[in-house]
């Protein structure tokens, strides 16, 4: 499993318009807590069903996308943060030490 980079608002809006759940990990490349959460997620990637994708958002480079997520899905911005989004709904979100890949499996199985 590799990360799929979330690079643009158009890409994000296309994911939302598919009306299928998708997972976004918001990561700060300047934060040690975020780096630890990323490593923990990567360690558990073998739990993901075949073909599952987690979108990786670099908050430092692409803060406008993070701001859009916070506003559009009415979820307070945090870093690191793991979200499950579908259409106009945020089905799940967790941040910091509460991030657990196992918590999103039921949404993407």
PDB file of N, CA and C in Angstrom:
ATOM      1  N   UNK A   1       0.848  -1.181   0.000  1.00  0.00           N
ATOM      2  CA  UNK A   1       0.000   0.000   0.000  1.00  0.00           C
ATOM      3  C   UNK A   1       0.883   1.230   0.000  1.00  0.00           C
ATOM      4  N   UNK A   2       0.582   2.119  -0.891  1.00  0.00           N
ATOM      5  CA  UNK A   2       1.255   3.407  -0.934  1.00  0.00           C
ATOM      6  C   UNK A   2       0.230   4.509  -0.718  1.00  0.00           C
ATOM      7  N   UNK A   3       0.725   5.631  -0.298  1.00  0.00           N
ATOM      8  CA  UNK A   3      -0.135   6.799  -0.178  1.00  0.00           C
ATOM      9  C   UNK A   3      -0.493   7.311  -1.570  1.00  0.00           C
ATOM     10  N   UNK A   4      -1.687   7.852  -1.697  1.00  0.00           N
ATOM     11  CA  UNK A   4      -2.087   8.570  -2.914  1.00  0.00           C
ATOM     12  C   UNK A   4      -2.079  10.049  -2.538  1.00  0.00           C
ATOM     13  N   UNK A   5      -1.305  10.821  -3.231  1.00  0.00           N
ATOM     14  CA  UNK A   5      -1.166  12.235  -2.894  1.00  0.00           C
ATOM     15  C   UNK A   5      -2.418  13.026  -3.292  1.00  0.00           C
ATOM     16  N   UNK A   6      -2.912  13.801  -2.363  1.00  0.00           N
ATOM     17  CA  UNK A   6      -4.026  14.711  -2.627  1.00  0.00           C
ATOM     18  C   UNK A   6      -3.401  16.049  -2.996  1.00  0.00           C
ATOM     19  N   UNK A   7      -3.564  16.463  -4.260  1.00  0.00           N
ATOM     20  CA  UNK A   7      -2.813  17.582  -4.795  1.00  0.00           C
ATOM     21  C   UNK A   7      -3.616  18.815  -5.167  1.00  0.00           C
ATOM     22  N   UNK A   8      -4.948  18.677  -5.288  1.00  0.00           N
ATOM     23  CA  UNK A   8      -5.707  19.833  -5.761  1.00  0.00           C
ATOM     24  C   UNK A   8      -7.144  19.802  -5.248  1.00  0.00           C
ATOM     25  N   UNK A   9      -7.756  20.971  -5.265  1.00  0.00           N
ATOM     26  CA  UNK A   9      -9.171  21.054  -4.905  1.00  0.00           C
ATOM     27  C   UNK A   9     -10.034  20.309  -5.912  1.00  0.00           C
ATOM     28  N   UNK A  10      -9.651  20.335  -7.178  1.00  0.00           N
ATOM     29  CA  UNK A  10     -10.397  19.589  -8.198  1.00  0.00           C
ATOM     30  C   UNK A  10     -10.392  18.094  -7.888  1.00  0.00           C
ATOM     31  N   UNK A  11      -9.236  17.561  -7.517  1.00  0.00           N
ATOM     32  CA  UNK A  11      -9.135  16.150  -7.157  1.00  0.00           C
ATOM     33  C   UNK A  11     -10.035  15.843  -5.958  1.00  0.00           C
ATOM     34  N   UNK A  12     -10.002  16.700  -4.948  1.00  0.00           N
ATOM     35  CA  UNK A  12     -10.827  16.512  -3.759  1.00  0.00           C
ATOM     36  C   UNK A  12     -12.311  16.556  -4.109  1.00  0.00           C
ATOM     37  N   UNK A  13     -12.704  17.504  -4.915  1.00  0.00           N
ATOM     38  CA  UNK A  13     -14.112  17.624  -5.303  1.00  0.00           C
ATOM     39  C   UNK A  13     -14.564  16.443  -6.156  1.00  0.00           C
ATOM     40  N   UNK A  14     -13.682  15.911  -6.986  1.00  0.00           N
ATOM     41  CA  UNK A  14     -14.014  14.707  -7.757  1.00  0.00           C
ATOM     42  C   UNK A  14     -14.227  13.512  -6.835  1.00  0.00           C
ATOM     43  N   UNK A  15     -13.388  13.380  -5.810  1.00  0.00           N
ATOM     44  CA  UNK A  15     -13.564  12.297  -4.838  1.00  0.00           C
ATOM     45  C   UNK A  15     -14.905  12.439  -4.127  1.00  0.00           C
ATOM     46  N   UNK A  16     -15.231  13.647  -3.720  1.00  0.00           N
ATOM     47  CA  UNK A  16     -16.498  13.887  -3.005  1.00  0.00           C
ATOM     48  C   UNK A  16     -17.690  13.624  -3.905  1.00  0.00           C
ATOM     49  N   UNK A  17     -17.586  13.988  -5.167  1.00  0.00           N
ATOM     50  CA  UNK A  17     -18.723  13.814  -6.079  1.00  0.00           C
ATOM     51  C   UNK A  17     -18.970  12.353  -6.430  1.00  0.00           C
ATOM     52  N   UNK A  18     -17.999  11.486  -6.186  1.00  0.00           N
ATOM     53  CA  UNK A  18     -18.195  10.055  -6.455  1.00  0.00           C
ATOM     54  C   UNK A  18     -19.178   9.446  -5.461  1.00  0.00           C
ATOM     55  N   UNK A  19     -19.385  10.139  -4.359  1.00  0.00           N
ATOM     56  CA  UNK A  19     -20.286   9.717  -3.282  1.00  0.00           C
ATOM     57  C   UNK A  19     -19.897   8.371  -2.669  1.00  0.00           C
ATOM     58  N   UNK A  20     -18.624   8.017  -2.795  1.00  0.00           N
ATOM     59  CA  UNK A  20     -18.079   6.832  -2.114  1.00  0.00           C
ATOM     60  C   UNK A  20     -17.173   7.325  -0.998  1.00  0.00           C
ATOM     61  N   UNK A  21     -17.104   6.604   0.107  1.00  0.00           N
ATOM     62  CA  UNK A  21     -16.221   7.040   1.194  1.00  0.00           C
ATOM     63  C   UNK A  21     -14.754   7.021   0.768  1.00  0.00           C
ATOM     64  N   UNK A  22     -14.020   8.014   1.228  1.00  0.00           N
ATOM     65  CA  UNK A  22     -12.584   8.049   0.983  1.00  0.00           C
ATOM     66  C   UNK A  22     -11.884   8.584   2.236  1.00  0.00           C
ATOM     67  N   UNK A  23     -10.636   8.154   2.407  1.00  0.00           N
ATOM     68  CA  UNK A  23      -9.874   8.457   3.613  1.00  0.00           C
ATOM     69  C   UNK A  23      -8.783   9.472   3.280  1.00  0.00           C
ATOM     70  N   UNK A  24      -8.666  10.484   4.138  1.00  0.00           N
ATOM     71  CA  UNK A  24      -7.630  11.500   3.989  1.00  0.00           C
ATOM     72  C   UNK A  24      -6.829  11.574   5.279  1.00  0.00           C
ATOM     73  N   UNK A  25      -5.509  11.532   5.141  1.00  0.00           N
ATOM     74  CA  UNK A  25      -4.612  11.766   6.269  1.00  0.00           C
ATOM     75  C   UNK A  25      -3.959  13.123   6.070  1.00  0.00           C
ATOM     76  N   UNK A  26      -4.246  14.043   6.974  1.00  0.00           N
ATOM     77  CA  UNK A  26      -3.661  15.383   6.926  1.00  0.00           C
ATOM     78  C   UNK A  26      -2.390  15.371   7.779  1.00  0.00           C
ATOM     79  N   UNK A  27      -1.268  15.659   7.123  1.00  0.00           N
ATOM     80  CA  UNK A  27       0.051  15.501   7.748  1.00  0.00           C
ATOM     81  C   UNK A  27       0.849  16.796   7.677  1.00  0.00           C
ATOM     82  N   UNK A  28       1.424  17.174   8.812  1.00  0.00           N
ATOM     83  CA  UNK A  28       2.360  18.292   8.846  1.00  0.00           C
ATOM     84  C   UNK A  28       3.775  17.734   8.827  1.00  0.00           C
ATOM     85  N   UNK A  29       4.522  18.111   7.811  1.00  0.00           N
ATOM     86  CA  UNK A  29       5.898  17.629   7.683  1.00  0.00           C
ATOM     87  C   UNK A  29       6.825  18.275   8.710  1.00  0.00           C
ATOM     88  N   UNK A  30       6.325  19.229   9.478  1.00  0.00           N
ATOM     89  CA  UNK A  30       7.125  19.914  10.500  1.00  0.00           C
ATOM     90  C   UNK A  30       6.815  19.441  11.919  1.00  0.00           C
ATOM     91  N   UNK A  31       5.970  18.433  12.063  1.00  0.00           N
ATOM     92  CA  UNK A  31       5.478  18.044  13.379  1.00  0.00           C
ATOM     93  C   UNK A  31       5.867  16.603  13.696  1.00  0.00           C
ATOM     94  N   UNK A  32       6.530  16.393  14.815  1.00  0.00           N
ATOM     95  CA  UNK A  32       6.957  15.045  15.180  1.00  0.00           C
ATOM     96  C   UNK A  32       5.767  14.150  15.529  1.00  0.00           C
ATOM     97  N   UNK A  33       4.715  14.708  16.111  1.00  0.00           N
ATOM     98  CA  UNK A  33       3.516  13.914  16.419  1.00  0.00           C
ATOM     99  C   UNK A  33       2.877  13.421  15.127  1.00  0.00           C
ATOM    100  N   UNK A  34       2.846  14.289  14.130  1.00  0.00           N
ATOM    101  CA  UNK A  34       2.288  13.905  12.834  1.00  0.00           C
ATOM    102  C   UNK A  34       3.134  12.809  12.184  1.00  0.00           C
ATOM    103  N   UNK A  35       4.443  12.914  12.305  1.00  0.00           N
ATOM    104  CA  UNK A  35       5.321  11.880  11.751  1.00  0.00           C
ATOM    105  C   UNK A  35       5.108  10.539  12.442  1.00  0.00           C
ATOM    106  N   UNK A  36       4.903  10.564  13.754  1.00  0.00           N
ATOM    107  CA  UNK A  36       4.642   9.321  14.481  1.00  0.00           C
ATOM    108  C   UNK A  36       3.305   8.719  14.063  1.00  0.00           C
ATOM    109  N   UNK A  37       2.281   9.542  13.879  1.00  0.00           N
ATOM    110  CA  UNK A  37       0.974   9.048  13.441  1.00  0.00           C
ATOM    111  C   UNK A  37       1.083   8.439  12.047  1.00  0.00           C
ATOM    112  N   UNK A  38       1.850   9.065  11.166  1.00  0.00           N
ATOM    113  CA  UNK A  38       2.047   8.545   9.806  1.00  0.00           C
ATOM    114  C   UNK A  38       2.721   7.173   9.846  1.00  0.00           C
ATOM    115  N   UNK A  39       3.769   7.048  10.642  1.00  0.00           N
ATOM    116  CA  UNK A  39       4.457   5.763  10.768  1.00  0.00           C
ATOM    117  C   UNK A  39       3.531   4.681  11.319  1.00  0.00           C
ATOM    118  N   UNK A  40       2.712   5.041  12.285  1.00  0.00           N
ATOM    119  CA  UNK A  40       1.761   4.089  12.862  1.00  0.00           C
ATOM    120  C   UNK A  40       0.765   3.614  11.806  1.00  0.00           C
ATOM    121  N   UNK A  41       0.261   4.536  10.994  1.00  0.00           N
ATOM    122  CA  UNK A  41      -0.658   4.158   9.919  1.00  0.00           C
ATOM    123  C   UNK A  41       0.039   3.225   8.932  1.00  0.00           C
ATOM    124  N   UNK A  42       1.249   3.566   8.539  1.00  0.00           N
ATOM    125  CA  UNK A  42       1.987   2.744   7.580  1.00  0.00           C
ATOM    126  C   UNK A  42       2.248   1.348   8.137  1.00  0.00           C
ATOM    127  N   UNK A  43       2.500   1.252   9.410  1.00  0.00           N
ATOM    128  CA  UNK A  43       2.726  -0.041  10.050  1.00  0.00           C
ATOM    129  C   UNK A  43       1.488  -0.935   9.937  1.00  0.00           C
ATOM    130  N   UNK A  44       0.297  -0.321   9.935  1.00  0.00           N
ATOM    131  CA  UNK A  44      -0.960  -1.070   9.899  1.00  0.00           C
ATOM    132  C   UNK A  44      -1.575  -1.204   8.510  1.00  0.00           C
ATOM    133  N   UNK A  45      -0.863  -0.762   7.469  1.00  0.00           N
ATOM    134  CA  UNK A  45      -1.416  -0.812   6.110  1.00  0.00           C
ATOM    135  C   UNK A  45      -1.861  -2.213   5.704  1.00  0.00           C
ATOM    136  N   UNK A  46      -1.267  -3.243   6.287  1.00  0.00           N
ATOM    137  CA  UNK A  46      -1.662  -4.610   5.913  1.00  0.00           C
ATOM    138  C   UNK A  46      -3.089  -4.942   6.334  1.00  0.00           C
ATOM    139  N   UNK A  47      -3.702  -4.110   7.160  1.00  0.00           N
ATOM    140  CA  UNK A  47      -5.102  -4.299   7.557  1.00  0.00           C
ATOM    141  C   UNK A  47      -6.085  -3.844   6.469  1.00  0.00           C
ATOM    142  N   UNK A  48      -5.596  -3.038   5.542  1.00  0.00           N
ATOM    143  CA  UNK A  48      -6.473  -2.468   4.517  1.00  0.00           C
ATOM    144  C   UNK A  48      -6.910  -3.519   3.510  1.00  0.00           C
ATOM    145  N   UNK A  49      -8.159  -3.422   3.055  1.00  0.00           N
ATOM    146  CA  UNK A  49      -8.592  -4.325   1.989  1.00  0.00           C
ATOM    147  C   UNK A  49      -7.824  -4.034   0.700  1.00  0.00           C
ATOM    148  N   UNK A  50      -7.717  -5.031  -0.144  1.00  0.00           N
ATOM    149  CA  UNK A  50      -7.021  -4.866  -1.424  1.00  0.00           C
ATOM    150  C   UNK A  50      -7.622  -3.694  -2.188  1.00  0.00           C
ATOM    151  N   UNK A  51      -6.764  -2.891  -2.748  1.00  0.00           N
ATOM    152  CA  UNK A  51      -7.209  -1.758  -3.554  1.00  0.00           C
ATOM    153  C   UNK A  51      -7.580  -0.520  -2.763  1.00  0.00           C
ATOM    154  N   UNK A  52      -7.533  -0.589  -1.435  1.00  0.00           N
ATOM    155  CA  UNK A  52      -7.882   0.578  -0.616  1.00  0.00           C
ATOM    156  C   UNK A  52      -6.824   1.660  -0.791  1.00  0.00           C
ATOM    157  N   UNK A  53      -7.277   2.898  -0.734  1.00  0.00           N
ATOM    158  CA  UNK A  53      -6.405   4.052  -0.917  1.00  0.00           C
ATOM    159  C   UNK A  53      -6.579   4.985   0.280  1.00  0.00           C
ATOM    160  N   UNK A  54      -5.461   5.505   0.756  1.00  0.00           N
ATOM    161  CA  UNK A  54      -5.516   6.589   1.730  1.00  0.00           C
ATOM    162  C   UNK A  54      -4.851   7.791   1.080  1.00  0.00           C
ATOM    163  N   UNK A  55      -5.579   8.883   1.031  1.00  0.00           N
ATOM    164  CA  UNK A  55      -5.064  10.106   0.431  1.00  0.00           C
ATOM    165  C   UNK A  55      -4.245  10.863   1.460  1.00  0.00           C
ATOM    166  N   UNK A  56      -3.079  11.299   1.037  1.00  0.00           N
ATOM    167  CA  UNK A  56      -2.113  11.982   1.884  1.00  0.00           C
ATOM    168  C   UNK A  56      -2.111  13.462   1.528  1.00  0.00           C
ATOM    169  N   UNK A  57      -2.355  14.311   2.528  1.00  0.00           N
ATOM    170  CA  UNK A  57      -2.363  15.750   2.291  1.00  0.00           C
ATOM    171  C   UNK A  57      -1.227  16.393   3.073  1.00  0.00           C
ATOM    172  N   UNK A  58      -0.278  16.977   2.367  1.00  0.00           N
ATOM    173  CA  UNK A  58       0.834  17.720   2.969  1.00  0.00           C
ATOM    174  C   UNK A  58       0.303  19.102   3.347  1.00  0.00           C
ATOM    175  N   UNK A  59       0.089  19.295   4.641  1.00  0.00           N
ATOM    176  CA  UNK A  59      -0.510  20.540   5.116  1.00  0.00           C
ATOM    177  C   UNK A  59       0.357  21.762   4.887  1.00  0.00           C
ATOM    178  N   UNK A  60       1.648  21.585   4.920  1.00  0.00           N
ATOM    179  CA  UNK A  60       2.537  22.723   4.750  1.00  0.00           C
ATOM    180  C   UNK A  60       2.458  23.237   3.306  1.00  0.00           C
ATOM    181  N   UNK A  61       2.498  22.335   2.363  1.00  0.00           N
ATOM    182  CA  UNK A  61       2.479  22.722   0.951  1.00  0.00           C
ATOM    183  C   UNK A  61       1.082  23.079   0.452  1.00  0.00           C
ATOM    184  N   UNK A  62       0.046  22.461   1.034  1.00  0.00           N
ATOM    185  CA  UNK A  62      -1.300  22.589   0.479  1.00  0.00           C
ATOM    186  C   UNK A  62      -2.326  22.969   1.550  1.00  0.00           C
ATOM    187  N   UNK A  63      -2.034  24.018   2.279  1.00  0.00           N
ATOM    188  CA  UNK A  63      -2.916  24.439   3.374  1.00  0.00           C
ATOM    189  C   UNK A  63      -4.297  24.837   2.852  1.00  0.00           C
ATOM    190  N   UNK A  64      -4.394  25.339   1.624  1.00  0.00           N
ATOM    191  CA  UNK A  64      -5.692  25.743   1.077  1.00  0.00           C
ATOM    192  C   UNK A  64      -6.652  24.557   0.986  1.00  0.00           C
ATOM    193  N   UNK A  65      -6.133  23.377   0.688  1.00  0.00           N
ATOM    194  CA  UNK A  65      -6.988  22.187   0.617  1.00  0.00           C
ATOM    195  C   UNK A  65      -7.451  21.801   2.019  1.00  0.00           C
ATOM    196  N   UNK A  66      -6.563  21.879   2.980  1.00  0.00           N
ATOM    197  CA  UNK A  66      -6.939  21.596   4.370  1.00  0.00           C
ATOM    198  C   UNK A  66      -8.001  22.573   4.854  1.00  0.00           C
ATOM    199  N   UNK A  67      -7.833  23.835   4.537  1.00  0.00           N
ATOM    200  CA  UNK A  67      -8.828  24.839   4.928  1.00  0.00           C
ATOM    201  C   UNK A  67     -10.181  24.545   4.281  1.00  0.00           C
ATOM    202  N   UNK A  68     -10.161  24.129   3.012  1.00  0.00           N
ATOM    203  CA  UNK A  68     -11.398  23.786   2.324  1.00  0.00           C
ATOM    204  C   UNK A  68     -12.090  22.611   3.012  1.00  0.00           C
ATOM    205  N   UNK A  69     -11.323  21.593   3.380  1.00  0.00           N
ATOM    206  CA  UNK A  69     -11.897  20.432   4.079  1.00  0.00           C
ATOM    207  C   UNK A  69     -12.564  20.871   5.370  1.00  0.00           C
ATOM    208  N   UNK A  70     -11.867  21.684   6.157  1.00  0.00           N
ATOM    209  CA  UNK A  70     -12.413  22.157   7.431  1.00  0.00           C
ATOM    210  C   UNK A  70     -13.720  22.910   7.223  1.00  0.00           C
ATOM    211  N   UNK A  71     -13.759  23.771   6.227  1.00  0.00           N
ATOM    212  CA  UNK A  71     -14.962  24.571   5.977  1.00  0.00           C
ATOM    213  C   UNK A  71     -16.087  23.734   5.358  1.00  0.00           C
ATOM    214  N   UNK A  72     -15.771  22.994   4.316  1.00  0.00           N
ATOM    215  CA  UNK A  72     -16.799  22.252   3.574  1.00  0.00           C
ATOM    216  C   UNK A  72     -17.432  21.140   4.417  1.00  0.00           C
ATOM    217  N   UNK A  73     -16.600  20.418   5.162  1.00  0.00           N
ATOM    218  CA  UNK A  73     -17.110  19.292   5.948  1.00  0.00           C
ATOM    219  C   UNK A  73     -17.323  19.649   7.425  1.00  0.00           C
ATOM    220  N   UNK A  74     -17.142  20.923   7.761  1.00  0.00           N
ATOM    221  CA  UNK A  74     -17.378  21.425   9.122  1.00  0.00           C
ATOM    222  C   UNK A  74     -16.638  20.603  10.178  1.00  0.00           C
ATOM    223  N   UNK A  75     -15.353  20.391   9.912  1.00  0.00           N
ATOM    224  CA  UNK A  75     -14.492  19.650  10.830  1.00  0.00           C
ATOM    225  C   UNK A  75     -13.333  20.562  11.207  1.00  0.00           C
ATOM    226  N   UNK A  76     -13.150  20.768  12.484  1.00  0.00           N
ATOM    227  CA  UNK A  76     -12.060  21.610  12.962  1.00  0.00           C
ATOM    228  C   UNK A  76     -10.728  21.085  12.438  1.00  0.00           C
ATOM    229  N   UNK A  77      -9.914  21.981  11.900  1.00  0.00           N
ATOM    230  CA  UNK A  77      -8.583  21.606  11.410  1.00  0.00           C
ATOM    231  C   UNK A  77      -7.705  21.166  12.577  1.00  0.00           C
ATOM    232  N   UNK A  78      -7.086  20.010  12.411  1.00  0.00           N
ATOM    233  CA  UNK A  78      -6.081  19.541  13.353  1.00  0.00           C
ATOM    234  C   UNK A  78      -4.989  18.853  12.558  1.00  0.00           C
ATOM    235  N   UNK A  79      -3.851  18.692  13.203  1.00  0.00           N
ATOM    236  CA  UNK A  79      -2.728  18.040  12.553  1.00  0.00           C
ATOM    237  C   UNK A  79      -1.951  17.261  13.608  1.00  0.00           C
ATOM    238  N   UNK A  80      -1.764  15.980  13.346  1.00  0.00           N
ATOM    239  CA  UNK A  80      -2.271  15.187  12.230  1.00  0.00           C
ATOM    240  C   UNK A  80      -3.764  14.911  12.398  1.00  0.00           C
ATOM    241  N   UNK A  81      -4.384  14.521  11.306  1.00  0.00           N
ATOM    242  CA  UNK A  81      -5.826  14.235  11.329  1.00  0.00           C
ATOM    243  C   UNK A  81      -6.148  13.172  10.285  1.00  0.00           C
ATOM    244  N   UNK A  82      -7.004  12.243  10.674  1.00  0.00           N
ATOM    245  CA  UNK A  82      -7.480  11.193   9.776  1.00  0.00           C
ATOM    246  C   UNK A  82      -8.977  11.367   9.620  1.00  0.00           C
ATOM    247  N   UNK A  83      -9.437  11.426   8.371  1.00  0.00           N
ATOM    248  CA  UNK A  83     -10.852  11.657   8.093  1.00  0.00           C
ATOM    249  C   UNK A  83     -11.387  10.633   7.107  1.00  0.00           C
ATOM    250  N   UNK A  84     -12.661  10.298   7.259  1.00  0.00           N
ATOM    251  CA  UNK A  84     -13.390   9.547   6.251  1.00  0.00           C
ATOM    252  C   UNK A  84     -14.489  10.482   5.760  1.00  0.00           C
ATOM    253  N   UNK A  85     -14.436  10.792   4.472  1.00  0.00           N
ATOM    254  CA  UNK A  85     -15.377  11.722   3.864  1.00  0.00           C
ATOM    255  C   UNK A  85     -16.200  10.993   2.813  1.00  0.00           C
ATOM    256  N   UNK A  86     -17.458  11.416   2.682  1.00  0.00           N
ATOM    257  CA  UNK A  86     -18.328  10.853   1.651  1.00  0.00           C
ATOM    258  C   UNK A  86     -19.319  11.936   1.260  1.00  0.00           C
ATOM    259  N   UNK A  87     -19.309  12.296  -0.022  1.00  0.00           N
ATOM    260  CA  UNK A  87     -20.196  13.361  -0.469  1.00  0.00           C
ATOM    261  C   UNK A  87     -19.939  14.615   0.348  1.00  0.00           C
ATOM    262  N   UNK A  88     -20.998  15.124   0.988  1.00  0.00           N
ATOM    263  CA  UNK A  88     -20.878  16.314   1.829  1.00  0.00           C
ATOM    264  C   UNK A  88     -20.795  15.977   3.313  1.00  0.00           C
ATOM    265  N   UNK A  89     -20.561  14.706   3.637  1.00  0.00           N
ATOM    266  CA  UNK A  89     -20.536  14.278   5.036  1.00  0.00           C
ATOM    267  C   UNK A  89     -19.143  13.839   5.475  1.00  0.00           C
ATOM    268  N   UNK A  90     -18.818  14.180   6.706  1.00  0.00           N
ATOM    269  CA  UNK A  90     -17.626  13.627   7.347  1.00  0.00           C
ATOM    270  C   UNK A  90     -18.127  12.496   8.222  1.00  0.00           C
ATOM    271  N   UNK A  91     -17.776  11.277   7.855  1.00  0.00           N
ATOM    272  CA  UNK A  91     -18.246  10.098   8.568  1.00  0.00           C
ATOM    273  C   UNK A  91     -17.422   9.810   9.815  1.00  0.00           C
ATOM    274  N   UNK A  92     -16.169  10.247   9.796  1.00  0.00           N
ATOM    275  CA  UNK A  92     -15.263   9.939  10.898  1.00  0.00           C
ATOM    276  C   UNK A  92     -14.095  10.911  10.864  1.00  0.00           C
ATOM    277  N   UNK A  93     -13.630  11.310  12.030  1.00  0.00           N
ATOM    278  CA  UNK A  93     -12.378  12.061  12.110  1.00  0.00           C
ATOM    279  C   UNK A  93     -11.733  11.831  13.468  1.00  0.00           C
ATOM    280  N   UNK A  94     -10.419  11.805  13.450  1.00  0.00           N
ATOM    281  CA  UNK A  94      -9.629  11.650  14.665  1.00  0.00           C
ATOM    282  C   UNK A  94      -8.324  12.412  14.477  1.00  0.00           C
ATOM    283  N   UNK A  95      -7.745  12.795  15.582  1.00  0.00           N
ATOM    284  CA  UNK A  95      -6.481  13.513  15.489  1.00  0.00           C
ATOM    285  C   UNK A  95      -5.513  13.038  16.565  1.00  0.00           C
ATOM    286  N   UNK A  96      -4.276  13.395  16.349  1.00  0.00           N
ATOM    287  CA  UNK A  96      -3.182  13.118  17.273  1.00  0.00           C
ATOM    288  C   UNK A  96      -3.137  11.643  17.684  1.00  0.00           C
ATOM    289  N   UNK A  97      -3.077  11.358  18.968  1.00  0.00           N
ATOM    290  CA  UNK A  97      -2.929   9.975  19.441  1.00  0.00           C
ATOM    291  C   UNK A  97      -4.189   9.135  19.253  1.00  0.00           C
ATOM    292  N   UNK A  98      -5.308   9.748  18.876  1.00  0.00           N
ATOM    293  CA  UNK A  98      -6.545   8.988  18.642  1.00  0.00           C
ATOM    294  C   UNK A  98      -6.608   8.372  17.249  1.00  0.00           C
ATOM    295  N   UNK A  99      -5.635   8.647  16.407  1.00  0.00           N
ATOM    296  CA  UNK A  99      -5.628   8.116  15.044  1.00  0.00           C
ATOM    297  C   UNK A  99      -5.327   6.621  15.071  1.00  0.00           C
ATOM    298  N   UNK A 100      -6.267   5.839  14.563  1.00  0.00           N
ATOM    299  CA  UNK A 100      -6.124   4.381  14.473  1.00  0.00           C
ATOM    300  C   UNK A 100      -6.693   3.937  13.132  1.00  0.00           C
ATOM    301  N   UNK A 101      -5.894   3.276  12.335  1.00  0.00           N
ATOM    302  CA  UNK A 101      -6.362   2.817  11.024  1.00  0.00           C
ATOM    303  C   UNK A 101      -7.548   1.863  11.173  1.00  0.00           C
ATOM    304  N   UNK A 102      -7.549   1.049  12.201  1.00  0.00           N
ATOM    305  CA  UNK A 102      -8.642   0.088  12.396  1.00  0.00           C
ATOM    306  C   UNK A 102     -10.008   0.758  12.490  1.00  0.00           C
ATOM    307  N   UNK A 103     -10.027   2.016  12.921  1.00  0.00           N
ATOM    308  CA  UNK A 103     -11.292   2.736  13.076  1.00  0.00           C
ATOM    309  C   UNK A 103     -11.953   3.086  11.737  1.00  0.00           C
ATOM    310  N   UNK A 104     -11.185   3.140  10.665  1.00  0.00           N
ATOM    311  CA  UNK A 104     -11.766   3.510   9.368  1.00  0.00           C
ATOM    312  C   UNK A 104     -12.118   2.315   8.493  1.00  0.00           C
ATOM    313  N   UNK A 105     -11.708   1.127   8.907  1.00  0.00           N
ATOM    314  CA  UNK A 105     -11.912  -0.057   8.066  1.00  0.00           C
ATOM    315  C   UNK A 105     -13.381  -0.328   7.754  1.00  0.00           C
ATOM    316  N   UNK A 106     -14.253  -0.102   8.700  1.00  0.00           N
ATOM    317  CA  UNK A 106     -15.670  -0.375   8.461  1.00  0.00           C
ATOM    318  C   UNK A 106     -16.269   0.544   7.389  1.00  0.00           C
ATOM    319  N   UNK A 107     -15.641   1.700   7.175  1.00  0.00           N
ATOM    320  CA  UNK A 107     -16.152   2.641   6.175  1.00  0.00           C
ATOM    321  C   UNK A 107     -15.692   2.317   4.764  1.00  0.00           C
ATOM    322  N   UNK A 108     -14.579   1.576   4.649  1.00  0.00           N
ATOM    323  CA  UNK A 108     -13.987   1.357   3.324  1.00  0.00           C
ATOM    324  C   UNK A 108     -13.994  -0.106   2.907  1.00  0.00           C
ATOM    325  N   UNK A 109     -14.536  -0.977   3.730  1.00  0.00           N
ATOM    326  CA  UNK A 109     -14.553  -2.409   3.386  1.00  0.00           C
ATOM    327  C   UNK A 109     -15.611  -2.740   2.375  1.00  0.00           C
TER     328      UNK A 109
END
